[in-house]
Amino acid sequence: MRVLVVEDEEFLAAMIAEGLRRDAIAVDVAHDGLTAMRKLTVGEYDVMVLDRDLPKMHGDDVCRAVVEQGLLTRVLMLTASGTVRDRVAGLGLGADDYLTKPFSYDELLARVLALGRRVHPALPPVLERAGIALDTARRQVSRDGRHLWLARKEFAVLEALLRANGAVVSGDDLIEQVWEENTSYQTNAVRVTLSKLRAKLGEPAVIETVPGAGYRIGPGA
């Protein structure tokens, strides 16, 4: 999942972004509405956490633009005002959900994950293939009953491969899904992460490299 956090309070934006990254979510940050629109133009985001009161371009106008342009990005609107009238107004602009400041991070995470599920086809909470079981809710992984500890990028790469259900996932697609913006498509981040992931998954090898195409988890791996 890729999330865009749009919040002019830099400390709060950094706290939200770091929390989401700890949960294996790729996050980009914008501190004003115009920057948010530029990022939405060049990148694909599953969810946008959008502060309503933004400089340069109001959050309401950003939300309207998302709807008018037909973007698939789901919008979680943040605001300091919790009146029913304001919540109705925010949802009327096209926001998918609404959260009042101050808020619990756990609640924000739950709402982000729920909105992300609306973007992608429904999948079981536990993804299983070739002896691997990945619990998306508990963020736990096992292979043949053996619990594995994975770093957040390793977890996210494995989740992307399992979601592909045997189809090949290119290195570029993994960069797009797992890493933040400004990560070069020429970087060796994918190869390094896959190397560490393969070592933790153990033998027999479960992740196949398809020359010139990408990576997959085969049914008999």
N, C-alpha and C. Protein backbone atom coordinates (compact mmCIF):
# COMPACT_ATOMS: atom_id res chain seq x y z
N MET A 1 0.84 -1.19 0.00
CA MET A 1 0.00 0.00 0.00
C MET A 1 0.88 1.25 0.00
N ARG A 2 0.48 2.25 -0.78
CA ARG A 2 1.17 3.54 -0.80
C ARG A 2 0.23 4.60 -0.24
N VAL A 3 0.74 5.40 0.68
CA VAL A 3 -0.06 6.42 1.36
C VAL A 3 0.62 7.77 1.20
N LEU A 4 -0.18 8.80 0.93
CA LEU A 4 0.30 10.17 0.91
C LEU A 4 -0.25 10.89 2.13
N VAL A 5 0.64 11.37 2.98
CA VAL A 5 0.25 12.13 4.17
C VAL A 5 0.39 13.61 3.84
N VAL A 6 -0.71 14.36 3.92
CA VAL A 6 -0.71 15.79 3.62
C VAL A 6 -1.08 16.54 4.89
N GLU A 7 -0.09 17.13 5.52
CA GLU A 7 -0.27 17.77 6.82
C GLU A 7 0.76 18.88 6.96
N ASP A 8 0.29 20.12 7.26
CA ASP A 8 1.23 21.24 7.35
C ASP A 8 1.97 21.29 8.67
N GLU A 9 1.50 20.60 9.70
CA GLU A 9 2.25 20.49 10.95
C GLU A 9 3.33 19.42 10.75
N GLU A 10 4.55 19.87 10.53
CA GLU A 10 5.60 18.94 10.11
C GLU A 10 5.87 17.83 11.13
N PHE A 11 5.81 18.16 12.41
CA PHE A 11 6.05 17.14 13.44
C PHE A 11 4.98 16.06 13.39
N LEU A 12 3.72 16.49 13.26
CA LEU A 12 2.62 15.52 13.18
C LEU A 12 2.73 14.68 11.92
N ALA A 13 3.06 15.32 10.80
CA ALA A 13 3.21 14.58 9.55
C ALA A 13 4.30 13.52 9.68
N ALA A 14 5.42 13.90 10.31
CA ALA A 14 6.53 12.96 10.48
C ALA A 14 6.14 11.80 11.40
N MET A 15 5.38 12.09 12.44
CA MET A 15 4.94 11.04 13.37
C MET A 15 4.02 10.05 12.66
N ILE A 16 3.07 10.56 11.87
CA ILE A 16 2.16 9.68 11.15
C ILE A 16 2.93 8.82 10.15
N ALA A 17 3.82 9.47 9.40
CA ALA A 17 4.58 8.75 8.37
C ALA A 17 5.44 7.66 8.99
N GLU A 18 6.12 7.96 10.07
CA GLU A 18 7.00 6.97 10.70
C GLU A 18 6.18 5.80 11.24
N GLY A 19 5.01 6.10 11.82
CA GLY A 19 4.16 5.03 12.31
C GLY A 19 3.71 4.10 11.20
N LEU A 20 3.28 4.68 10.08
CA LEU A 20 2.82 3.86 8.96
C LEU A 20 3.97 3.05 8.36
N ARG A 21 5.15 3.65 8.30
CA ARG A 21 6.30 2.91 7.76
C ARG A 21 6.66 1.73 8.65
N ARG A 22 6.49 1.89 9.97
CA ARG A 22 6.74 0.76 10.87
C ARG A 22 5.79 -0.39 10.58
N ASP A 23 4.64 -0.07 10.00
CA ASP A 23 3.66 -1.11 9.65
C ASP A 23 3.77 -1.51 8.19
N ALA A 24 4.97 -1.34 7.61
CA ALA A 24 5.29 -1.82 6.27
C ALA A 24 4.47 -1.14 5.18
N ILE A 25 4.14 0.14 5.38
CA ILE A 25 3.40 0.91 4.39
C ILE A 25 4.34 1.96 3.81
N ALA A 26 4.36 2.08 2.49
CA ALA A 26 5.18 3.10 1.83
C ALA A 26 4.47 4.45 1.96
N VAL A 27 5.20 5.46 2.42
CA VAL A 27 4.59 6.75 2.73
C VAL A 27 5.38 7.89 2.09
N ASP A 28 4.68 8.82 1.46
CA ASP A 28 5.24 10.09 1.03
C ASP A 28 4.53 11.19 1.80
N VAL A 29 5.17 12.35 1.91
CA VAL A 29 4.63 13.45 2.72
C VAL A 29 4.60 14.74 1.92
N ALA A 30 3.54 15.52 2.11
CA ALA A 30 3.43 16.87 1.56
C ALA A 30 2.96 17.78 2.68
N HIS A 31 3.45 19.03 2.68
CA HIS A 31 3.08 19.97 3.75
C HIS A 31 2.15 21.08 3.28
N ASP A 32 1.72 21.03 2.01
CA ASP A 32 0.75 22.00 1.53
C ASP A 32 -0.04 21.38 0.38
N GLY A 33 -1.16 22.01 0.03
CA GLY A 33 -2.05 21.44 -0.96
C GLY A 33 -1.46 21.36 -2.36
N LEU A 34 -0.70 22.36 -2.77
CA LEU A 34 -0.12 22.35 -4.11
C LEU A 34 0.89 21.22 -4.27
N THR A 35 1.72 21.02 -3.26
CA THR A 35 2.67 19.91 -3.31
C THR A 35 1.95 18.58 -3.37
N ALA A 36 0.86 18.47 -2.62
CA ALA A 36 0.07 17.24 -2.65
C ALA A 36 -0.45 16.97 -4.05
N MET A 37 -0.95 17.99 -4.74
CA MET A 37 -1.48 17.81 -6.08
C MET A 37 -0.37 17.38 -7.05
N ARG A 38 0.81 17.93 -6.89
CA ARG A 38 1.92 17.51 -7.77
C ARG A 38 2.26 16.05 -7.54
N LYS A 39 2.27 15.63 -6.30
CA LYS A 39 2.59 14.23 -6.01
C LYS A 39 1.48 13.31 -6.54
N LEU A 40 0.24 13.72 -6.43
CA LEU A 40 -0.87 12.91 -6.94
C LEU A 40 -0.82 12.79 -8.45
N THR A 41 -0.24 13.79 -9.10
CA THR A 41 -0.15 13.78 -10.56
C THR A 41 0.88 12.78 -11.06
N VAL A 42 1.98 12.64 -10.33
CA VAL A 42 3.08 11.79 -10.81
C VAL A 42 3.10 10.41 -10.14
N GLY A 43 2.40 10.24 -9.03
CA GLY A 43 2.42 8.97 -8.32
C GLY A 43 1.03 8.40 -8.12
N GLU A 44 0.98 7.11 -7.85
CA GLU A 44 -0.29 6.45 -7.58
C GLU A 44 -0.34 6.09 -6.09
N TYR A 45 -1.37 6.58 -5.43
CA TYR A 45 -1.53 6.36 -3.99
C TYR A 45 -2.84 5.64 -3.72
N ASP A 46 -2.79 4.68 -2.81
CA ASP A 46 -4.01 3.98 -2.41
C ASP A 46 -4.85 4.84 -1.48
N VAL A 47 -4.18 5.52 -0.55
CA VAL A 47 -4.88 6.32 0.47
C VAL A 47 -4.14 7.64 0.64
N MET A 48 -4.91 8.71 0.85
CA MET A 48 -4.33 10.00 1.21
C MET A 48 -4.89 10.43 2.56
N VAL A 49 -4.00 10.66 3.52
CA VAL A 49 -4.39 11.23 4.81
C VAL A 49 -4.28 12.74 4.65
N LEU A 50 -5.41 13.42 4.62
CA LEU A 50 -5.48 14.82 4.17
C LEU A 50 -5.96 15.76 5.27
N ASP A 51 -5.07 16.64 5.72
CA ASP A 51 -5.49 17.69 6.64
C ASP A 51 -6.39 18.67 5.88
N ARG A 52 -7.41 19.14 6.53
CA ARG A 52 -8.36 20.01 5.84
C ARG A 52 -7.84 21.44 5.69
N ASP A 53 -7.19 21.96 6.71
CA ASP A 53 -6.71 23.35 6.69
C ASP A 53 -5.25 23.38 6.25
N LEU A 54 -5.04 23.55 4.95
CA LEU A 54 -3.70 23.53 4.38
C LEU A 54 -3.34 24.87 3.75
N PRO A 55 -2.04 25.22 3.75
CA PRO A 55 -1.62 26.42 3.03
C PRO A 55 -1.54 26.16 1.52
N LYS A 56 -1.54 27.24 0.75
CA LYS A 56 -1.36 27.25 -0.71
C LYS A 56 -2.55 26.68 -1.47
N MET A 57 -3.11 25.59 -1.00
CA MET A 57 -4.33 25.03 -1.61
C MET A 57 -5.08 24.30 -0.51
N HIS A 58 -6.30 24.73 -0.24
CA HIS A 58 -7.06 24.17 0.87
C HIS A 58 -7.32 22.68 0.67
N GLY A 59 -7.38 21.96 1.78
CA GLY A 59 -7.65 20.53 1.71
C GLY A 59 -8.95 20.20 1.02
N ASP A 60 -9.96 21.07 1.17
CA ASP A 60 -11.23 20.84 0.48
C ASP A 60 -11.03 20.81 -1.04
N ASP A 61 -10.18 21.73 -1.54
CA ASP A 61 -9.94 21.80 -2.98
C ASP A 61 -9.13 20.60 -3.47
N VAL A 62 -8.21 20.11 -2.63
CA VAL A 62 -7.47 18.90 -2.98
C VAL A 62 -8.42 17.72 -3.10
N CYS A 63 -9.33 17.62 -2.13
CA CYS A 63 -10.30 16.52 -2.13
C CYS A 63 -11.19 16.59 -3.38
N ARG A 64 -11.65 17.79 -3.69
CA ARG A 64 -12.49 17.96 -4.89
C ARG A 64 -11.73 17.53 -6.15
N ALA A 65 -10.45 17.90 -6.22
CA ALA A 65 -9.65 17.56 -7.40
C ALA A 65 -9.50 16.05 -7.56
N VAL A 66 -9.32 15.34 -6.45
CA VAL A 66 -9.21 13.88 -6.50
C VAL A 66 -10.47 13.28 -7.10
N VAL A 67 -11.62 13.78 -6.67
CA VAL A 67 -12.89 13.27 -7.18
C VAL A 67 -13.07 13.64 -8.65
N GLU A 68 -12.81 14.90 -9.00
CA GLU A 68 -13.02 15.37 -10.37
C GLU A 68 -12.10 14.66 -11.37
N GLN A 69 -10.89 14.33 -10.94
CA GLN A 69 -9.95 13.66 -11.83
C GLN A 69 -10.15 12.15 -11.88
N GLY A 70 -11.09 11.65 -11.09
CA GLY A 70 -11.38 10.22 -11.10
C GLY A 70 -10.27 9.35 -10.54
N LEU A 71 -9.47 9.91 -9.63
CA LEU A 71 -8.39 9.12 -9.03
C LEU A 71 -8.96 8.05 -8.12
N LEU A 72 -8.27 6.92 -8.03
CA LEU A 72 -8.72 5.83 -7.17
C LEU A 72 -8.31 6.04 -5.72
N THR A 73 -7.50 7.06 -5.47
CA THR A 73 -7.01 7.33 -4.12
C THR A 73 -8.17 7.57 -3.15
N ARG A 74 -8.17 6.83 -2.04
CA ARG A 74 -9.18 7.03 -1.00
C ARG A 74 -8.70 8.13 -0.05
N VAL A 75 -9.62 8.95 0.42
CA VAL A 75 -9.26 10.12 1.21
C VAL A 75 -9.74 9.99 2.65
N LEU A 76 -8.78 10.05 3.59
CA LEU A 76 -9.10 10.14 5.01
C LEU A 76 -8.82 11.58 5.41
N MET A 77 -9.87 12.34 5.69
CA MET A 77 -9.71 13.76 5.99
C MET A 77 -9.50 13.97 7.49
N LEU A 78 -8.51 14.81 7.82
CA LEU A 78 -8.22 15.17 9.20
C LEU A 78 -8.64 16.61 9.43
N THR A 79 -9.19 16.89 10.60
CA THR A 79 -9.57 18.26 10.92
C THR A 79 -9.61 18.45 12.43
N ALA A 80 -9.44 19.69 12.85
CA ALA A 80 -9.53 19.99 14.28
C ALA A 80 -10.97 20.17 14.71
N SER A 81 -11.88 20.28 13.76
CA SER A 81 -13.29 20.48 14.08
C SER A 81 -14.05 19.16 13.98
N GLY A 82 -14.76 18.83 15.06
CA GLY A 82 -15.47 17.56 15.08
C GLY A 82 -16.97 17.69 15.07
N THR A 83 -17.49 18.84 14.67
CA THR A 83 -18.93 19.01 14.65
C THR A 83 -19.54 18.16 13.55
N VAL A 84 -20.79 17.79 13.75
CA VAL A 84 -21.49 16.99 12.76
C VAL A 84 -21.54 17.73 11.42
N ARG A 85 -21.76 19.03 11.48
CA ARG A 85 -21.84 19.83 10.25
C ARG A 85 -20.55 19.74 9.45
N ASP A 86 -19.40 19.83 10.14
CA ASP A 86 -18.12 19.76 9.44
C ASP A 86 -17.86 18.37 8.89
N ARG A 87 -18.23 17.34 9.65
CA ARG A 87 -18.04 15.98 9.16
C ARG A 87 -18.87 15.75 7.90
N VAL A 88 -20.12 16.21 7.92
CA VAL A 88 -20.99 16.05 6.76
C VAL A 88 -20.42 16.81 5.57
N ALA A 89 -19.90 18.02 5.83
CA ALA A 89 -19.33 18.83 4.74
C ALA A 89 -18.13 18.13 4.13
N GLY A 90 -17.26 17.58 4.98
CA GLY A 90 -16.07 16.89 4.47
C GLY A 90 -16.43 15.68 3.64
N LEU A 91 -17.37 14.89 4.11
CA LEU A 91 -17.79 13.71 3.36
C LEU A 91 -18.50 14.12 2.07
N GLY A 92 -19.19 15.24 2.12
CA GLY A 92 -19.87 15.73 0.93
C GLY A 92 -18.91 16.15 -0.17
N LEU A 93 -17.69 16.51 0.19
CA LEU A 93 -16.68 16.88 -0.80
C LEU A 93 -16.13 15.67 -1.54
N GLY A 94 -16.37 14.49 -1.00
CA GLY A 94 -15.85 13.28 -1.62
C GLY A 94 -14.88 12.50 -0.75
N ALA A 95 -14.65 12.98 0.47
CA ALA A 95 -13.78 12.23 1.38
C ALA A 95 -14.44 10.89 1.71
N ASP A 96 -13.62 9.87 1.88
CA ASP A 96 -14.14 8.53 2.19
C ASP A 96 -14.29 8.30 3.67
N ASP A 97 -13.54 9.04 4.46
CA ASP A 97 -13.61 8.89 5.92
C ASP A 97 -13.14 10.19 6.54
N TYR A 98 -13.35 10.32 7.84
CA TYR A 98 -13.15 11.59 8.53
C TYR A 98 -12.63 11.29 9.92
N LEU A 99 -11.57 11.97 10.35
CA LEU A 99 -10.99 11.75 11.67
C LEU A 99 -10.67 13.10 12.30
N THR A 100 -11.12 13.26 13.55
CA THR A 100 -10.96 14.53 14.25
C THR A 100 -9.69 14.53 15.08
N LYS A 101 -8.94 15.63 15.02
CA LYS A 101 -7.77 15.81 15.88
C LYS A 101 -8.23 16.24 17.28
N PRO A 102 -7.54 15.80 18.34
CA PRO A 102 -6.46 14.81 18.35
C PRO A 102 -7.03 13.41 18.16
N PHE A 103 -6.23 12.50 17.67
CA PHE A 103 -6.72 11.15 17.39
C PHE A 103 -5.70 10.12 17.87
N SER A 104 -6.15 8.90 17.99
CA SER A 104 -5.28 7.78 18.34
C SER A 104 -4.61 7.26 17.06
N TYR A 105 -3.31 7.02 17.13
CA TYR A 105 -2.63 6.47 15.95
C TYR A 105 -3.23 5.13 15.56
N ASP A 106 -3.57 4.29 16.54
CA ASP A 106 -4.14 2.97 16.23
C ASP A 106 -5.43 3.11 15.44
N GLU A 107 -6.23 4.12 15.77
CA GLU A 107 -7.47 4.34 15.02
C GLU A 107 -7.15 4.82 13.60
N LEU A 108 -6.19 5.73 13.48
CA LEU A 108 -5.81 6.19 12.14
C LEU A 108 -5.32 5.02 11.29
N LEU A 109 -4.47 4.17 11.85
CA LEU A 109 -3.97 3.01 11.11
C LEU A 109 -5.11 2.11 10.67
N ALA A 110 -6.05 1.84 11.58
CA ALA A 110 -7.18 0.97 11.24
C ALA A 110 -7.99 1.56 10.09
N ARG A 111 -8.18 2.87 10.10
CA ARG A 111 -8.96 3.52 9.04
C ARG A 111 -8.20 3.52 7.71
N VAL A 112 -6.89 3.74 7.77
CA VAL A 112 -6.08 3.69 6.55
C VAL A 112 -6.13 2.29 5.93
N LEU A 113 -5.97 1.26 6.75
CA LEU A 113 -6.00 -0.11 6.24
C LEU A 113 -7.38 -0.45 5.66
N ALA A 114 -8.44 0.03 6.33
CA ALA A 114 -9.79 -0.23 5.83
C ALA A 114 -10.00 0.43 4.47
N LEU A 115 -9.52 1.67 4.32
CA LEU A 115 -9.66 2.36 3.04
C LEU A 115 -8.82 1.68 1.96
N GLY A 116 -7.63 1.20 2.34
CA GLY A 116 -6.79 0.51 1.38
C GLY A 116 -7.45 -0.75 0.84
N ARG A 117 -8.23 -1.42 1.69
CA ARG A 117 -8.92 -2.63 1.23
C ARG A 117 -9.99 -2.31 0.21
N ARG A 118 -10.50 -1.09 0.21
CA ARG A 118 -11.50 -0.70 -0.79
C ARG A 118 -10.89 -0.53 -2.17
N VAL A 119 -9.60 -0.20 -2.20
CA VAL A 119 -8.93 0.03 -3.48
C VAL A 119 -8.63 -1.28 -4.18
N HIS A 120 -8.24 -2.29 -3.42
CA HIS A 120 -7.83 -3.56 -3.99
C HIS A 120 -8.94 -4.61 -3.82
N PRO A 121 -8.97 -5.61 -4.70
CA PRO A 121 -9.95 -6.68 -4.54
C PRO A 121 -9.82 -7.34 -3.17
N ALA A 122 -10.95 -7.76 -2.62
CA ALA A 122 -10.94 -8.37 -1.30
C ALA A 122 -10.11 -9.65 -1.30
N LEU A 123 -9.24 -9.77 -0.33
CA LEU A 123 -8.40 -10.95 -0.17
C LEU A 123 -8.52 -11.44 1.27
N PRO A 124 -8.28 -12.72 1.50
CA PRO A 124 -8.34 -13.22 2.88
C PRO A 124 -7.30 -12.53 3.73
N PRO A 125 -7.57 -12.39 5.04
CA PRO A 125 -6.60 -11.72 5.93
C PRO A 125 -5.29 -12.46 6.05
N VAL A 126 -5.31 -13.78 5.80
CA VAL A 126 -4.07 -14.56 5.82
C VAL A 126 -3.79 -15.06 4.40
N LEU A 127 -2.66 -14.62 3.83
CA LEU A 127 -2.27 -15.03 2.49
C LEU A 127 -1.38 -16.27 2.61
N GLU A 128 -1.69 -17.31 1.86
CA GLU A 128 -0.96 -18.57 1.97
C GLU A 128 -0.55 -19.08 0.60
N ARG A 129 0.70 -19.53 0.52
CA ARG A 129 1.20 -20.13 -0.72
C ARG A 129 2.54 -20.79 -0.42
N ALA A 130 2.70 -21.98 -0.96
CA ALA A 130 3.98 -22.71 -0.86
C ALA A 130 4.46 -22.84 0.59
N GLY A 131 3.54 -23.07 1.52
CA GLY A 131 3.92 -23.25 2.92
C GLY A 131 4.10 -21.97 3.69
N ILE A 132 3.95 -20.83 3.02
CA ILE A 132 4.08 -19.53 3.69
C ILE A 132 2.70 -19.05 4.10
N ALA A 133 2.59 -18.52 5.30
CA ALA A 133 1.34 -17.91 5.79
C ALA A 133 1.68 -16.50 6.26
N LEU A 134 1.06 -15.51 5.65
CA LEU A 134 1.29 -14.11 6.01
C LEU A 134 -0.02 -13.52 6.50
N ASP A 135 -0.03 -13.14 7.78
CA ASP A 135 -1.22 -12.56 8.42
C ASP A 135 -1.13 -11.04 8.28
N THR A 136 -1.96 -10.47 7.40
CA THR A 136 -1.88 -9.03 7.14
C THR A 136 -2.34 -8.19 8.32
N ALA A 137 -3.23 -8.72 9.14
CA ALA A 137 -3.74 -7.96 10.28
C ALA A 137 -2.74 -7.94 11.44
N ARG A 138 -2.19 -9.11 11.76
CA ARG A 138 -1.25 -9.21 12.88
C ARG A 138 0.20 -8.92 12.47
N ARG A 139 0.43 -8.78 11.15
CA ARG A 139 1.77 -8.52 10.63
C ARG A 139 2.72 -9.64 11.04
N GLN A 140 2.27 -10.88 10.88
CA GLN A 140 3.08 -12.05 11.24
C GLN A 140 3.26 -12.95 10.03
N VAL A 141 4.40 -13.64 9.98
CA VAL A 141 4.72 -14.54 8.88
C VAL A 141 5.26 -15.84 9.43
N SER A 142 4.87 -16.95 8.81
CA SER A 142 5.45 -18.25 9.15
C SER A 142 5.64 -19.06 7.88
N ARG A 143 6.56 -20.00 7.95
CA ARG A 143 6.73 -20.96 6.85
C ARG A 143 6.76 -22.35 7.44
N ASP A 144 5.85 -23.18 6.98
CA ASP A 144 5.71 -24.54 7.49
C ASP A 144 5.62 -24.55 9.01
N GLY A 145 4.88 -23.57 9.56
CA GLY A 145 4.66 -23.49 10.99
C GLY A 145 5.76 -22.82 11.76
N ARG A 146 6.86 -22.43 11.09
CA ARG A 146 7.99 -21.78 11.76
C ARG A 146 7.84 -20.27 11.67
N HIS A 147 7.73 -19.61 12.81
CA HIS A 147 7.55 -18.15 12.81
C HIS A 147 8.81 -17.45 12.33
N LEU A 148 8.61 -16.43 11.50
CA LEU A 148 9.73 -15.66 10.95
C LEU A 148 9.60 -14.21 11.36
N TRP A 149 10.75 -13.59 11.68
CA TRP A 149 10.76 -12.14 11.91
C TRP A 149 11.28 -11.48 10.65
N LEU A 150 10.48 -10.59 10.07
CA LEU A 150 10.87 -9.88 8.85
C LEU A 150 10.91 -8.39 9.10
N ALA A 151 11.91 -7.73 8.52
CA ALA A 151 11.93 -6.26 8.52
C ALA A 151 10.76 -5.77 7.68
N ARG A 152 10.39 -4.50 7.85
CA ARG A 152 9.15 -4.02 7.24
C ARG A 152 9.19 -4.09 5.71
N LYS A 153 10.34 -3.80 5.08
CA LYS A 153 10.41 -3.89 3.62
C LYS A 153 10.34 -5.34 3.17
N GLU A 154 10.97 -6.23 3.92
CA GLU A 154 10.89 -7.66 3.58
C GLU A 154 9.45 -8.14 3.66
N PHE A 155 8.75 -7.73 4.72
CA PHE A 155 7.34 -8.09 4.87
C PHE A 155 6.53 -7.57 3.69
N ALA A 156 6.76 -6.31 3.32
CA ALA A 156 5.97 -5.70 2.25
C ALA A 156 6.25 -6.36 0.90
N VAL A 157 7.50 -6.70 0.63
CA VAL A 157 7.83 -7.39 -0.62
C VAL A 157 7.18 -8.77 -0.66
N LEU A 158 7.25 -9.50 0.45
CA LEU A 158 6.62 -10.82 0.50
C LEU A 158 5.11 -10.71 0.32
N GLU A 159 4.50 -9.71 0.93
CA GLU A 159 3.05 -9.51 0.77
C GLU A 159 2.71 -9.23 -0.69
N ALA A 160 3.51 -8.39 -1.36
CA ALA A 160 3.25 -8.08 -2.77
C ALA A 160 3.34 -9.33 -3.63
N LEU A 161 4.32 -10.18 -3.35
CA LEU A 161 4.47 -11.41 -4.13
C LEU A 161 3.33 -12.38 -3.87
N LEU A 162 2.91 -12.49 -2.61
CA LEU A 162 1.80 -13.38 -2.28
C LEU A 162 0.48 -12.89 -2.87
N ARG A 163 0.28 -11.57 -2.87
CA ARG A 163 -0.94 -11.02 -3.45
C ARG A 163 -1.01 -11.28 -4.95
N ALA A 164 0.13 -11.40 -5.59
CA ALA A 164 0.15 -11.68 -7.03
C ALA A 164 -0.30 -13.10 -7.35
N ASN A 165 -0.36 -13.96 -6.33
CA ASN A 165 -0.91 -15.31 -6.47
C ASN A 165 -0.24 -16.11 -7.59
N GLY A 166 1.09 -16.05 -7.62
CA GLY A 166 1.82 -16.84 -8.60
C GLY A 166 2.22 -16.08 -9.85
N ALA A 167 1.62 -14.91 -10.08
CA ALA A 167 1.99 -14.10 -11.24
C ALA A 167 3.34 -13.44 -11.00
N VAL A 168 4.01 -13.07 -12.07
CA VAL A 168 5.31 -12.41 -11.96
C VAL A 168 5.12 -10.95 -11.57
N VAL A 169 5.93 -10.49 -10.62
CA VAL A 169 5.93 -9.08 -10.20
C VAL A 169 7.29 -8.50 -10.58
N SER A 170 7.29 -7.47 -11.40
CA SER A 170 8.56 -6.89 -11.85
C SER A 170 9.23 -6.11 -10.73
N GLY A 171 10.52 -5.87 -10.89
CA GLY A 171 11.24 -5.05 -9.92
C GLY A 171 10.69 -3.64 -9.86
N ASP A 172 10.30 -3.09 -11.02
CA ASP A 172 9.72 -1.75 -11.05
C ASP A 172 8.41 -1.71 -10.27
N ASP A 173 7.61 -2.78 -10.40
CA ASP A 173 6.34 -2.82 -9.65
C ASP A 173 6.60 -2.90 -8.15
N LEU A 174 7.62 -3.63 -7.74
CA LEU A 174 7.94 -3.71 -6.32
C LEU A 174 8.40 -2.34 -5.80
N ILE A 175 9.20 -1.63 -6.58
CA ILE A 175 9.61 -0.28 -6.19
C ILE A 175 8.37 0.60 -6.02
N GLU A 176 7.44 0.51 -6.97
CA GLU A 176 6.24 1.35 -6.94
C GLU A 176 5.36 1.04 -5.74
N GLN A 177 5.26 -0.24 -5.38
CA GLN A 177 4.35 -0.65 -4.32
C GLN A 177 4.94 -0.50 -2.92
N VAL A 178 6.24 -0.70 -2.79
CA VAL A 178 6.84 -0.88 -1.47
C VAL A 178 7.68 0.31 -1.01
N TRP A 179 8.37 0.96 -1.93
CA TRP A 179 9.30 2.02 -1.54
C TRP A 179 8.69 3.40 -1.72
N GLU A 180 9.26 4.38 -1.02
CA GLU A 180 8.77 5.75 -1.10
C GLU A 180 9.26 6.41 -2.39
N GLU A 181 8.71 7.60 -2.67
CA GLU A 181 9.11 8.32 -3.87
C GLU A 181 10.61 8.62 -3.83
N ASN A 182 11.15 8.93 -5.00
CA ASN A 182 12.56 9.25 -5.18
C ASN A 182 13.47 8.05 -5.03
N THR A 183 12.89 6.85 -4.92
CA THR A 183 13.70 5.64 -4.97
C THR A 183 13.92 5.30 -6.43
N SER A 184 15.17 5.23 -6.86
CA SER A 184 15.48 5.02 -8.27
C SER A 184 15.09 3.61 -8.70
N TYR A 185 14.58 3.50 -9.93
CA TYR A 185 14.27 2.19 -10.48
C TYR A 185 15.56 1.40 -10.77
N GLN A 186 16.69 2.08 -10.73
CA GLN A 186 17.97 1.40 -10.96
C GLN A 186 18.61 0.94 -9.65
N THR A 187 17.97 1.24 -8.53
CA THR A 187 18.57 0.91 -7.24
C THR A 187 18.64 -0.60 -7.04
N ASN A 188 19.57 -1.03 -6.18
CA ASN A 188 19.66 -2.46 -5.87
C ASN A 188 18.85 -2.80 -4.62
N ALA A 189 17.98 -1.87 -4.19
CA ALA A 189 17.19 -2.10 -2.97
C ALA A 189 16.35 -3.36 -3.09
N VAL A 190 15.76 -3.60 -4.25
CA VAL A 190 14.93 -4.79 -4.44
C VAL A 190 15.78 -6.04 -4.30
N ARG A 191 16.91 -6.07 -4.97
CA ARG A 191 17.77 -7.26 -4.94
C ARG A 191 18.29 -7.54 -3.53
N VAL A 192 18.69 -6.49 -2.82
CA VAL A 192 19.19 -6.68 -1.46
C VAL A 192 18.09 -7.20 -0.54
N THR A 193 16.90 -6.59 -0.64
CA THR A 193 15.77 -7.02 0.20
C THR A 193 15.37 -8.46 -0.11
N LEU A 194 15.33 -8.81 -1.39
CA LEU A 194 14.99 -10.18 -1.77
C LEU A 194 16.03 -11.18 -1.28
N SER A 195 17.29 -10.79 -1.31
CA SER A 195 18.34 -11.67 -0.82
C SER A 195 18.15 -11.98 0.66
N LYS A 196 17.87 -10.94 1.45
CA LYS A 196 17.65 -11.13 2.88
C LYS A 196 16.38 -11.94 3.13
N LEU A 197 15.34 -11.67 2.33
CA LEU A 197 14.07 -12.38 2.49
C LEU A 197 14.24 -13.86 2.18
N ARG A 198 14.96 -14.16 1.12
CA ARG A 198 15.19 -15.57 0.75
C ARG A 198 15.94 -16.30 1.86
N ALA A 199 16.92 -15.61 2.45
CA ALA A 199 17.70 -16.25 3.52
C ALA A 199 16.81 -16.57 4.72
N LYS A 200 15.91 -15.68 5.06
CA LYS A 200 15.03 -15.90 6.21
C LYS A 200 13.98 -16.98 5.93
N LEU A 201 13.53 -17.06 4.68
CA LEU A 201 12.54 -18.08 4.33
C LEU A 201 13.17 -19.47 4.31
N GLY A 202 14.46 -19.54 4.04
CA GLY A 202 15.17 -20.81 4.09
C GLY A 202 14.96 -21.70 2.88
N GLU A 203 15.41 -22.94 3.02
CA GLU A 203 15.33 -23.92 1.93
C GLU A 203 14.11 -24.82 2.11
N PRO A 204 13.56 -25.33 0.99
CA PRO A 204 13.96 -25.05 -0.40
C PRO A 204 13.57 -23.64 -0.81
N ALA A 205 14.28 -23.10 -1.79
CA ALA A 205 14.04 -21.73 -2.23
C ALA A 205 12.58 -21.57 -2.67
N VAL A 206 11.98 -20.48 -2.25
CA VAL A 206 10.55 -20.28 -2.50
C VAL A 206 10.28 -19.14 -3.50
N ILE A 207 11.20 -18.19 -3.60
CA ILE A 207 11.01 -17.06 -4.51
C ILE A 207 11.81 -17.32 -5.78
N GLU A 208 11.11 -17.38 -6.91
CA GLU A 208 11.75 -17.63 -8.20
C GLU A 208 12.08 -16.31 -8.89
N THR A 209 13.23 -16.26 -9.55
CA THR A 209 13.58 -15.14 -10.41
C THR A 209 13.26 -15.52 -11.84
N VAL A 210 12.45 -14.72 -12.51
CA VAL A 210 12.10 -14.95 -13.91
C VAL A 210 12.94 -13.98 -14.73
N PRO A 211 13.95 -14.46 -15.43
CA PRO A 211 14.87 -13.57 -16.14
C PRO A 211 14.16 -12.58 -17.06
N GLY A 212 14.52 -11.31 -16.92
CA GLY A 212 13.95 -10.27 -17.77
C GLY A 212 12.54 -9.87 -17.42
N ALA A 213 11.95 -10.50 -16.39
CA ALA A 213 10.54 -10.21 -16.07
C ALA A 213 10.35 -9.79 -14.62
N GLY A 214 10.91 -10.55 -13.68
CA GLY A 214 10.71 -10.18 -12.28
C GLY A 214 10.78 -11.39 -11.36
N TYR A 215 9.84 -11.46 -10.41
CA TYR A 215 9.89 -12.46 -9.36
C TYR A 215 8.50 -13.01 -9.10
N ARG A 216 8.47 -14.26 -8.61
CA ARG A 216 7.18 -14.86 -8.25
C ARG A 216 7.39 -15.97 -7.23
N ILE A 217 6.28 -16.32 -6.59
CA ILE A 217 6.27 -17.48 -5.71
C ILE A 217 5.46 -18.55 -6.42
N GLY A 218 6.13 -19.58 -6.87
CA GLY A 218 5.45 -20.62 -7.64
C GLY A 218 4.66 -21.56 -6.74
N PRO A 219 3.70 -22.27 -7.30
CA PRO A 219 2.85 -23.16 -6.48
C PRO A 219 3.60 -24.30 -5.84
N GLY A 220 4.67 -24.75 -6.49
CA GLY A 220 5.41 -25.87 -5.93
C GLY A 220 6.72 -25.48 -5.30
N ALA A 221 6.89 -24.15 -5.10
CA ALA A 221 8.17 -23.68 -4.56
C ALA A 221 8.35 -24.16 -3.13
